[in-house]
Amino acid sequence: LTRWLPEPAERSTYVLASSLALILLFALWRPLGGV
């Protein structure tokens, strides 16, 4: 990743990607029902 992205931006890119993956999960989550 840091071959084309400045190394100081690597962690922020990781944090952003993790957040976007979670946002996708929140948006598309399918509850199953049942207790």
PDB file of all heavy atoms in Angstrom:
ATOM      1  N   LEU A   1       0.822  -1.209   0.000  1.00  0.00           N
ATOM      2  CA  LEU A   1       0.000   0.000   0.000  1.00  0.00           C
ATOM      3  C   LEU A   1       0.856   1.259   0.000  1.00  0.00           C
ATOM      4  O   LEU A   1       0.554   2.235  -0.704  1.00  0.00           O
ATOM      5  CB  LEU A   1      -0.928  -0.012   1.219  1.00  0.00           C
ATOM      6  CG  LEU A   1      -1.895   1.159   1.367  1.00  0.00           C
ATOM      7  CD1 LEU A   1      -2.893   1.177   0.209  1.00  0.00           C
ATOM      8  CD2 LEU A   1      -2.635   1.083   2.702  1.00  0.00           C
ATOM      9  N   THR A   2       1.926   1.252   0.787  1.00  0.00           N
ATOM     10  CA  THR A   2       2.759   2.453   0.918  1.00  0.00           C
ATOM     11  C   THR A   2       3.726   2.652  -0.243  1.00  0.00           C
ATOM     12  O   THR A   2       4.543   3.573  -0.220  1.00  0.00           O
ATOM     13  CB  THR A   2       3.539   2.421   2.249  1.00  0.00           C
ATOM     14  OG1 THR A   2       4.249   1.175   2.363  1.00  0.00           O
ATOM     15  CG2 THR A   2       2.597   2.581   3.430  1.00  0.00           C
ATOM     16  N   ARG A   3       3.653   1.799  -1.260  1.00  0.00           N
ATOM     17  CA  ARG A   3       4.416   2.055  -2.475  1.00  0.00           C
ATOM     18  C   ARG A   3       3.829   3.231  -3.258  1.00  0.00           C
ATOM     19  O   ARG A   3       4.533   3.895  -4.024  1.00  0.00           O
ATOM     20  CB  ARG A   3       4.430   0.806  -3.370  1.00  0.00           C
ATOM     21  CG  ARG A   3       5.270  -0.339  -2.810  1.00  0.00           C
ATOM     22  CD  ARG A   3       5.109  -1.591  -3.656  1.00  0.00           C
ATOM     23  NE  ARG A   3       5.789  -2.739  -3.053  1.00  0.00           N
ATOM     24  CZ  ARG A   3       5.659  -3.998  -3.479  1.00  0.00           C
ATOM     25  NH1 ARG A   3       4.881  -4.253  -4.528  1.00  0.00           N
ATOM     26  NH2 ARG A   3       6.294  -4.981  -2.874  1.00  0.00           N
ATOM     27  N   TRP A   4       2.521   3.448  -3.090  1.00  0.00           N
ATOM     28  CA  TRP A   4       1.876   4.559  -3.801  1.00  0.00           C
ATOM     29  C   TRP A   4       1.148   5.522  -2.872  1.00  0.00           C
ATOM     30  O   TRP A   4       0.669   6.565  -3.312  1.00  0.00           O
ATOM     31  CB  TRP A   4       0.890   4.010  -4.834  1.00  0.00           C
ATOM     32  CG  TRP A   4      -0.205   3.148  -4.270  1.00  0.00           C
ATOM     33  CD1 TRP A   4      -0.153   1.814  -4.025  1.00  0.00           C
ATOM     34  CD2 TRP A   4      -1.508   3.579  -3.862  1.00  0.00           C
ATOM     35  NE1 TRP A   4      -1.343   1.368  -3.493  1.00  0.00           N
ATOM     36  CE2 TRP A   4      -2.197   2.435  -3.383  1.00  0.00           C
ATOM     37  CE3 TRP A   4      -2.160   4.810  -3.855  1.00  0.00           C
ATOM     38  CZ2 TRP A   4      -3.499   2.501  -2.902  1.00  0.00           C
ATOM     39  CZ3 TRP A   4      -3.466   4.870  -3.379  1.00  0.00           C
ATOM     40  CH2 TRP A   4      -4.118   3.723  -2.914  1.00  0.00           C
ATOM     41  N   LEU A   5       1.118   5.214  -1.578  1.00  0.00           N
ATOM     42  CA  LEU A   5       0.477   6.077  -0.597  1.00  0.00           C
ATOM     43  C   LEU A   5       1.512   6.462   0.455  1.00  0.00           C
ATOM     44  O   LEU A   5       2.280   5.605   0.905  1.00  0.00           O
ATOM     45  CB  LEU A   5      -0.690   5.327   0.063  1.00  0.00           C
ATOM     46  CG  LEU A   5      -1.598   6.110   1.002  1.00  0.00           C
ATOM     47  CD1 LEU A   5      -2.489   7.048   0.194  1.00  0.00           C
ATOM     48  CD2 LEU A   5      -2.482   5.145   1.811  1.00  0.00           C
ATOM     49  N   PRO A   6       1.581   7.723   0.867  1.00  0.00           N
ATOM     50  CA  PRO A   6       2.528   8.102   1.919  1.00  0.00           C
ATOM     51  C   PRO A   6       2.337   7.255   3.172  1.00  0.00           C
ATOM     52  O   PRO A   6       1.203   7.008   3.594  1.00  0.00           O
ATOM     53  CB  PRO A   6       2.195   9.573   2.185  1.00  0.00           C
ATOM     54  CG  PRO A   6       1.582  10.056   0.913  1.00  0.00           C
ATOM     55  CD  PRO A   6       0.827   8.882   0.360  1.00  0.00           C
ATOM     56  N   GLU A   7       3.423   6.808   3.746  1.00  0.00           N
ATOM     57  CA  GLU A   7       3.334   5.918   4.902  1.00  0.00           C
ATOM     58  C   GLU A   7       2.491   6.487   6.043  1.00  0.00           C
ATOM     59  O   GLU A   7       1.749   5.732   6.686  1.00  0.00           O
ATOM     60  CB  GLU A   7       4.741   5.577   5.392  1.00  0.00           C
ATOM     61  CG  GLU A   7       4.763   4.474   6.429  1.00  0.00           C
ATOM     62  CD  GLU A   7       6.155   3.976   6.723  1.00  0.00           C
ATOM     63  OE1 GLU A   7       7.081   4.248   5.912  1.00  0.00           O
ATOM     64  OE2 GLU A   7       6.336   3.322   7.761  1.00  0.00           O
ATOM     65  N   PRO A   8       2.574   7.805   6.344  1.00  0.00           N
ATOM     66  CA  PRO A   8       1.738   8.334   7.434  1.00  0.00           C
ATOM     67  C   PRO A   8       0.239   8.198   7.187  1.00  0.00           C
ATOM     68  O   PRO A   8      -0.550   8.291   8.132  1.00  0.00           O
ATOM     69  CB  PRO A   8       2.148   9.812   7.504  1.00  0.00           C
ATOM     70  CG  PRO A   8       3.519   9.846   6.930  1.00  0.00           C
ATOM     71  CD  PRO A   8       3.507   8.815   5.833  1.00  0.00           C
ATOM     72  N   ALA A   9      -0.168   7.996   5.926  1.00  0.00           N
ATOM     73  CA  ALA A   9      -1.591   7.859   5.609  1.00  0.00           C
ATOM     74  C   ALA A   9      -2.071   6.420   5.701  1.00  0.00           C
ATOM     75  O   ALA A   9      -3.278   6.165   5.592  1.00  0.00           O
ATOM     76  CB  ALA A   9      -1.869   8.402   4.204  1.00  0.00           C
ATOM     77  N   GLU A  10      -1.159   5.475   5.909  1.00  0.00           N
ATOM     78  CA  GLU A  10      -1.539   4.057   5.886  1.00  0.00           C
ATOM     79  C   GLU A  10      -2.553   3.723   6.972  1.00  0.00           C
ATOM     80  O   GLU A  10      -3.576   3.076   6.726  1.00  0.00           O
ATOM     81  CB  GLU A  10      -0.289   3.185   6.029  1.00  0.00           C
ATOM     82  CG  GLU A  10      -0.555   1.687   6.062  1.00  0.00           C
ATOM     83  CD  GLU A  10      -0.855   1.158   7.453  1.00  0.00           C
ATOM     84  OE1 GLU A  10      -0.197   1.616   8.407  1.00  0.00           O
ATOM     85  OE2 GLU A  10      -1.754   0.303   7.578  1.00  0.00           O
ATOM     86  N   ARG A  11      -2.292   4.155   8.200  1.00  0.00           N
ATOM     87  CA  ARG A  11      -3.202   3.816   9.297  1.00  0.00           C
ATOM     88  C   ARG A  11      -4.573   4.447   9.102  1.00  0.00           C
ATOM     89  O   ARG A  11      -5.603   3.815   9.353  1.00  0.00           O
ATOM     90  CB  ARG A  11      -2.598   4.250  10.636  1.00  0.00           C
ATOM     91  CG  ARG A  11      -3.382   3.769  11.848  1.00  0.00           C
ATOM     92  CD  ARG A  11      -3.335   2.262  11.958  1.00  0.00           C
ATOM     93  NE  ARG A  11      -4.192   1.760  13.029  1.00  0.00           N
ATOM     94  CZ  ARG A  11      -4.339   0.478  13.314  1.00  0.00           C
ATOM     95  NH1 ARG A  11      -3.681  -0.428  12.623  1.00  0.00           N
ATOM     96  NH2 ARG A  11      -5.128   0.093  14.285  1.00  0.00           N
ATOM     97  N   SER A  12      -4.596   5.680   8.649  1.00  0.00           N
ATOM     98  CA  SER A  12      -5.883   6.344   8.409  1.00  0.00           C
ATOM     99  C   SER A  12      -6.668   5.645   7.310  1.00  0.00           C
ATOM    100  O   SER A  12      -7.898   5.538   7.380  1.00  0.00           O
ATOM    101  CB  SER A  12      -5.653   7.816   8.041  1.00  0.00           C
ATOM    102  OG  SER A  12      -5.103   8.526   9.123  1.00  0.00           O
ATOM    103  N   THR A  13      -5.966   5.149   6.290  1.00  0.00           N
ATOM    104  CA  THR A  13      -6.630   4.406   5.219  1.00  0.00           C
ATOM    105  C   THR A  13      -7.243   3.126   5.772  1.00  0.00           C
ATOM    106  O   THR A  13      -8.364   2.740   5.393  1.00  0.00           O
ATOM    107  CB  THR A  13      -5.622   4.076   4.107  1.00  0.00           C
ATOM    108  OG1 THR A  13      -5.039   5.295   3.636  1.00  0.00           O
ATOM    109  CG2 THR A  13      -6.293   3.357   2.949  1.00  0.00           C
ATOM    110  N   TYR A  14      -6.519   2.468   6.665  1.00  0.00           N
ATOM    111  CA  TYR A  14      -7.036   1.258   7.310  1.00  0.00           C
ATOM    112  C   TYR A  14      -8.283   1.566   8.138  1.00  0.00           C
ATOM    113  O   TYR A  14      -9.290   0.836   8.073  1.00  0.00           O
ATOM    114  CB  TYR A  14      -5.937   0.676   8.203  1.00  0.00           C
ATOM    115  CG  TYR A  14      -6.355  -0.504   9.043  1.00  0.00           C
ATOM    116  CD1 TYR A  14      -6.429  -1.783   8.498  1.00  0.00           C
ATOM    117  CD2 TYR A  14      -6.663  -0.350  10.396  1.00  0.00           C
ATOM    118  CE1 TYR A  14      -6.797  -2.869   9.264  1.00  0.00           C
ATOM    119  CE2 TYR A  14      -7.040  -1.434  11.172  1.00  0.00           C
ATOM    120  CZ  TYR A  14      -7.098  -2.687  10.607  1.00  0.00           C
ATOM    121  OH  TYR A  14      -7.468  -3.763  11.372  1.00  0.00           O
ATOM    122  N   VAL A  15      -8.227   2.639   8.906  1.00  0.00           N
ATOM    123  CA  VAL A  15      -9.373   3.040   9.738  1.00  0.00           C
ATOM    124  C   VAL A  15     -10.575   3.365   8.858  1.00  0.00           C
ATOM    125  O   VAL A  15     -11.716   2.966   9.162  1.00  0.00           O
ATOM    126  CB  VAL A  15      -8.992   4.254  10.618  1.00  0.00           C
ATOM    127  CG1 VAL A  15     -10.222   4.858  11.297  1.00  0.00           C
ATOM    128  CG2 VAL A  15      -7.956   3.847  11.664  1.00  0.00           C
ATOM    129  N   LEU A  16     -10.340   4.071   7.763  1.00  0.00           N
ATOM    130  CA  LEU A  16     -11.428   4.427   6.850  1.00  0.00           C
ATOM    131  C   LEU A  16     -12.050   3.184   6.231  1.00  0.00           C
ATOM    132  O   LEU A  16     -13.281   3.051   6.183  1.00  0.00           O
ATOM    133  CB  LEU A  16     -10.894   5.353   5.753  1.00  0.00           C
ATOM    134  CG  LEU A  16     -11.904   5.778   4.685  1.00  0.00           C
ATOM    135  CD1 LEU A  16     -13.071   6.526   5.302  1.00  0.00           C
ATOM    136  CD2 LEU A  16     -11.213   6.636   3.618  1.00  0.00           C
ATOM    137  N   ALA A  17     -11.218   2.255   5.781  1.00  0.00           N
ATOM    138  CA  ALA A  17     -11.727   1.028   5.163  1.00  0.00           C
ATOM    139  C   ALA A  17     -12.530   0.203   6.168  1.00  0.00           C
ATOM    140  O   ALA A  17     -13.582  -0.361   5.828  1.00  0.00           O
ATOM    141  CB  ALA A  17     -10.576   0.208   4.591  1.00  0.00           C
ATOM    142  N   SER A  18     -12.069   0.130   7.407  1.00  0.00           N
ATOM    143  CA  SER A  18     -12.791  -0.605   8.450  1.00  0.00           C
ATOM    144  C   SER A  18     -14.151   0.030   8.712  1.00  0.00           C
ATOM    145  O   SER A  18     -15.161  -0.664   8.865  1.00  0.00           O
ATOM    146  CB  SER A  18     -11.967  -0.641   9.729  1.00  0.00           C
ATOM    147  OG  SER A  18     -10.745  -1.322   9.547  1.00  0.00           O
ATOM    148  N   SER A  19     -14.178   1.352   8.768  1.00  0.00           N
ATOM    149  CA  SER A  19     -15.436   2.060   9.004  1.00  0.00           C
ATOM    150  C   SER A  19     -16.417   1.836   7.861  1.00  0.00           C
ATOM    151  O   SER A  19     -17.619   1.607   8.086  1.00  0.00           O
ATOM    152  CB  SER A  19     -15.178   3.557   9.193  1.00  0.00           C
ATOM    153  OG  SER A  19     -14.366   3.800  10.330  1.00  0.00           O
ATOM    154  N   LEU A  20     -15.930   1.876   6.633  1.00  0.00           N
ATOM    155  CA  LEU A  20     -16.805   1.671   5.478  1.00  0.00           C
ATOM    156  C   LEU A  20     -17.352   0.251   5.454  1.00  0.00           C
ATOM    157  O   LEU A  20     -18.517   0.031   5.087  1.00  0.00           O
ATOM    158  CB  LEU A  20     -16.043   1.978   4.191  1.00  0.00           C
ATOM    159  CG  LEU A  20     -15.648   3.444   3.982  1.00  0.00           C
ATOM    160  CD1 LEU A  20     -14.829   3.601   2.704  1.00  0.00           C
ATOM    161  CD2 LEU A  20     -16.875   4.347   3.949  1.00  0.00           C
ATOM    162  N   ALA A  21     -16.528  -0.721   5.852  1.00  0.00           N
ATOM    163  CA  ALA A  21     -17.003  -2.113   5.915  1.00  0.00           C
ATOM    164  C   ALA A  21     -18.110  -2.245   6.950  1.00  0.00           C
ATOM    165  O   ALA A  21     -19.091  -2.979   6.738  1.00  0.00           O
ATOM    166  CB  ALA A  21     -15.842  -3.043   6.248  1.00  0.00           C
ATOM    167  N   LEU A  22     -17.979  -1.550   8.064  1.00  0.00           N
ATOM    168  CA  LEU A  22     -19.017  -1.590   9.096  1.00  0.00           C
ATOM    169  C   LEU A  22     -20.282  -0.865   8.640  1.00  0.00           C
ATOM    170  O   LEU A  22     -21.398  -1.322   8.907  1.00  0.00           O
ATOM    171  CB  LEU A  22     -18.503  -0.967  10.393  1.00  0.00           C
ATOM    172  CG  LEU A  22     -17.577  -1.839  11.230  1.00  0.00           C
ATOM    173  CD1 LEU A  22     -17.058  -1.061  12.432  1.00  0.00           C
ATOM    174  CD2 LEU A  22     -18.294  -3.103  11.704  1.00  0.00           C
ATOM    175  N   ILE A  23     -20.129   0.260   7.972  1.00  0.00           N
ATOM    176  CA  ILE A  23     -21.293   0.996   7.463  1.00  0.00           C
ATOM    177  C   ILE A  23     -22.075   0.122   6.481  1.00  0.00           C
ATOM    178  O   ILE A  23     -23.309   0.091   6.505  1.00  0.00           O
ATOM    179  CB  ILE A  23     -20.841   2.316   6.799  1.00  0.00           C
ATOM    180  CG1 ILE A  23     -20.319   3.286   7.875  1.00  0.00           C
ATOM    181  CG2 ILE A  23     -21.991   2.948   6.020  1.00  0.00           C
ATOM    182  CD1 ILE A  23     -19.634   4.514   7.312  1.00  0.00           C
ATOM    183  N   LEU A  24     -21.354  -0.614   5.643  1.00  0.00           N
ATOM    184  CA  LEU A  24     -22.015  -1.539   4.718  1.00  0.00           C
ATOM    185  C   LEU A  24     -22.766  -2.617   5.493  1.00  0.00           C
ATOM    186  O   LEU A  24     -23.897  -2.987   5.138  1.00  0.00           O
ATOM    187  CB  LEU A  24     -20.972  -2.173   3.788  1.00  0.00           C
ATOM    188  CG  LEU A  24     -21.512  -3.086   2.690  1.00  0.00           C
ATOM    189  CD1 LEU A  24     -22.341  -2.292   1.684  1.00  0.00           C
ATOM    190  CD2 LEU A  24     -20.362  -3.799   1.976  1.00  0.00           C
ATOM    191  N   LEU A  25     -22.151  -3.115   6.550  1.00  0.00           N
ATOM    192  CA  LEU A  25     -22.813  -4.128   7.382  1.00  0.00           C
ATOM    193  C   LEU A  25     -24.092  -3.566   8.004  1.00  0.00           C
ATOM    194  O   LEU A  25     -25.135  -4.232   7.993  1.00  0.00           O
ATOM    195  CB  LEU A  25     -21.850  -4.604   8.469  1.00  0.00           C
ATOM    196  CG  LEU A  25     -22.333  -5.748   9.378  1.00  0.00           C
ATOM    197  CD1 LEU A  25     -21.149  -6.619   9.810  1.00  0.00           C
ATOM    198  CD2 LEU A  25     -23.042  -5.223  10.627  1.00  0.00           C
ATOM    199  N   PHE A  26     -24.017  -2.346   8.543  1.00  0.00           N
ATOM    200  CA  PHE A  26     -25.203  -1.734   9.148  1.00  0.00           C
ATOM    201  C   PHE A  26     -26.327  -1.579   8.113  1.00  0.00           C
ATOM    202  O   PHE A  26     -27.503  -1.817   8.415  1.00  0.00           O
ATOM    203  CB  PHE A  26     -24.862  -0.347   9.704  1.00  0.00           C
ATOM    204  CG  PHE A  26     -23.811  -0.345  10.782  1.00  0.00           C
ATOM    205  CD1 PHE A  26     -23.003   0.761  10.963  1.00  0.00           C
ATOM    206  CD2 PHE A  26     -23.636  -1.440  11.614  1.00  0.00           C
ATOM    207  CE1 PHE A  26     -22.037   0.784  11.955  1.00  0.00           C
ATOM    208  CE2 PHE A  26     -22.673  -1.435  12.617  1.00  0.00           C
ATOM    209  CZ  PHE A  26     -21.865  -0.319  12.779  1.00  0.00           C
ATOM    210  N   ALA A  27     -25.968  -1.186   6.906  1.00  0.00           N
ATOM    211  CA  ALA A  27     -26.971  -0.899   5.880  1.00  0.00           C
ATOM    212  C   ALA A  27     -27.638  -2.161   5.346  1.00  0.00           C
ATOM    213  O   ALA A  27     -28.846  -2.155   5.058  1.00  0.00           O
ATOM    214  CB  ALA A  27     -26.323  -0.117   4.735  1.00  0.00           C
ATOM    215  N   LEU A  28     -26.870  -3.241   5.207  1.00  0.00           N
ATOM    216  CA  LEU A  28     -27.384  -4.443   4.545  1.00  0.00           C
ATOM    217  C   LEU A  28     -27.734  -5.575   5.505  1.00  0.00           C
ATOM    218  O   LEU A  28     -28.173  -6.645   5.060  1.00  0.00           O
ATOM    219  CB  LEU A  28     -26.355  -4.945   3.520  1.00  0.00           C
ATOM    220  CG  LEU A  28     -25.968  -3.968   2.406  1.00  0.00           C
ATOM    221  CD1 LEU A  28     -24.977  -4.617   1.448  1.00  0.00           C
ATOM    222  CD2 LEU A  28     -27.197  -3.468   1.660  1.00  0.00           C
ATOM    223  N   TRP A  29     -27.567  -5.367   6.797  1.00  0.00           N
ATOM    224  CA  TRP A  29     -27.811  -6.422   7.782  1.00  0.00           C
ATOM    225  C   TRP A  29     -29.246  -6.937   7.690  1.00  0.00           C
ATOM    226  O   TRP A  29     -30.199  -6.168   7.540  1.00  0.00           O
ATOM    227  CB  TRP A  29     -27.531  -5.894   9.176  1.00  0.00           C
ATOM    228  CG  TRP A  29     -27.669  -6.925  10.251  1.00  0.00           C
ATOM    229  CD1 TRP A  29     -28.713  -7.083  11.114  1.00  0.00           C
ATOM    230  CD2 TRP A  29     -26.720  -7.952  10.582  1.00  0.00           C
ATOM    231  NE1 TRP A  29     -28.480  -8.141  11.959  1.00  0.00           N
ATOM    232  CE2 TRP A  29     -27.267  -8.696  11.656  1.00  0.00           C
ATOM    233  CE3 TRP A  29     -25.472  -8.315  10.071  1.00  0.00           C
ATOM    234  CZ2 TRP A  29     -26.597  -9.779  12.213  1.00  0.00           C
ATOM    235  CZ3 TRP A  29     -24.806  -9.390  10.630  1.00  0.00           C
ATOM    236  CH2 TRP A  29     -25.371 -10.111  11.699  1.00  0.00           C
ATOM    237  N   ARG A  30     -29.395  -8.268   7.804  1.00  0.00           N
ATOM    238  CA  ARG A  30     -30.717  -8.905   7.733  1.00  0.00           C
ATOM    239  C   ARG A  30     -31.024  -9.593   9.079  1.00  0.00           C
ATOM    240  O   ARG A  30     -30.474 -10.662   9.353  1.00  0.00           O
ATOM    241  CB  ARG A  30     -30.743  -9.963   6.633  1.00  0.00           C
ATOM    242  CG  ARG A  30     -30.423  -9.439   5.239  1.00  0.00           C
ATOM    243  CD  ARG A  30     -31.601  -8.691   4.647  1.00  0.00           C
ATOM    244  NE  ARG A  30     -31.371  -8.389   3.246  1.00  0.00           N
ATOM    245  CZ  ARG A  30     -31.729  -9.162   2.235  1.00  0.00           C
ATOM    246  NH1 ARG A  30     -32.304 -10.341   2.476  1.00  0.00           N
ATOM    247  NH2 ARG A  30     -31.507  -8.797   0.982  1.00  0.00           N
ATOM    248  N   PRO A  31     -31.876  -9.006   9.911  1.00  0.00           N
ATOM    249  CA  PRO A  31     -32.262  -9.669  11.166  1.00  0.00           C
ATOM    250  C   PRO A  31     -32.915 -11.028  10.904  1.00  0.00           C
ATOM    251  O   PRO A  31     -33.568 -11.229   9.878  1.00  0.00           O
ATOM    252  CB  PRO A  31     -33.261  -8.683  11.785  1.00  0.00           C
ATOM    253  CG  PRO A  31     -32.887  -7.360  11.189  1.00  0.00           C
ATOM    254  CD  PRO A  31     -32.449  -7.667   9.776  1.00  0.00           C
ATOM    255  N   LEU A  32     -32.726 -11.960  11.840  1.00  0.00           N
ATOM    256  CA  LEU A  32     -33.203 -13.335  11.668  1.00  0.00           C
ATOM    257  C   LEU A  32     -34.497 -13.619  12.422  1.00  0.00           C
ATOM    258  O   LEU A  32     -35.201 -14.578  12.113  1.00  0.00           O
ATOM    259  CB  LEU A  32     -32.128 -14.325  12.140  1.00  0.00           C
ATOM    260  CG  LEU A  32     -30.736 -14.152  11.530  1.00  0.00           C
ATOM    261  CD1 LEU A  32     -29.749 -15.102  12.201  1.00  0.00           C
ATOM    262  CD2 LEU A  32     -30.772 -14.394  10.034  1.00  0.00           C
ATOM    263  N   GLY A  33     -34.785 -12.828  13.454  1.00  0.00           N
ATOM    264  CA  GLY A  33     -35.970 -13.090  14.275  1.00  0.00           C
ATOM    265  C   GLY A  33     -35.726 -14.187  15.292  1.00  0.00           C
ATOM    266  O   GLY A  33     -34.700 -14.870  15.281  1.00  0.00           O
ATOM    267  N   GLY A  34     -36.698 -14.397  16.185  1.00  0.00           N
ATOM    268  CA  GLY A  34     -36.598 -15.461  17.185  1.00  0.00           C
ATOM    269  C   GLY A  34     -35.874 -15.009  18.439  1.00  0.00           C
ATOM    270  O   GLY A  34     -34.973 -14.180  18.398  1.00  0.00           O
ATOM    271  N   VAL A  35     -36.284 -15.580  19.585  1.00  0.00           N
ATOM    272  CA  VAL A  35     -35.683 -15.239  20.880  1.00  0.00           C
ATOM    273  C   VAL A  35     -35.082 -16.490  21.507  1.00  0.00           C
ATOM    274  O   VAL A  35     -35.752 -17.519  21.625  1.00  0.00           O
ATOM    275  CB  VAL A  35     -36.729 -14.626  21.836  1.00  0.00           C
ATOM    276  CG1 VAL A  35     -36.114 -14.364  23.216  1.00  0.00           C
ATOM    277  CG2 VAL A  35     -37.278 -13.320  21.254  1.00  0.00           C
TER     278      VAL A  35
END
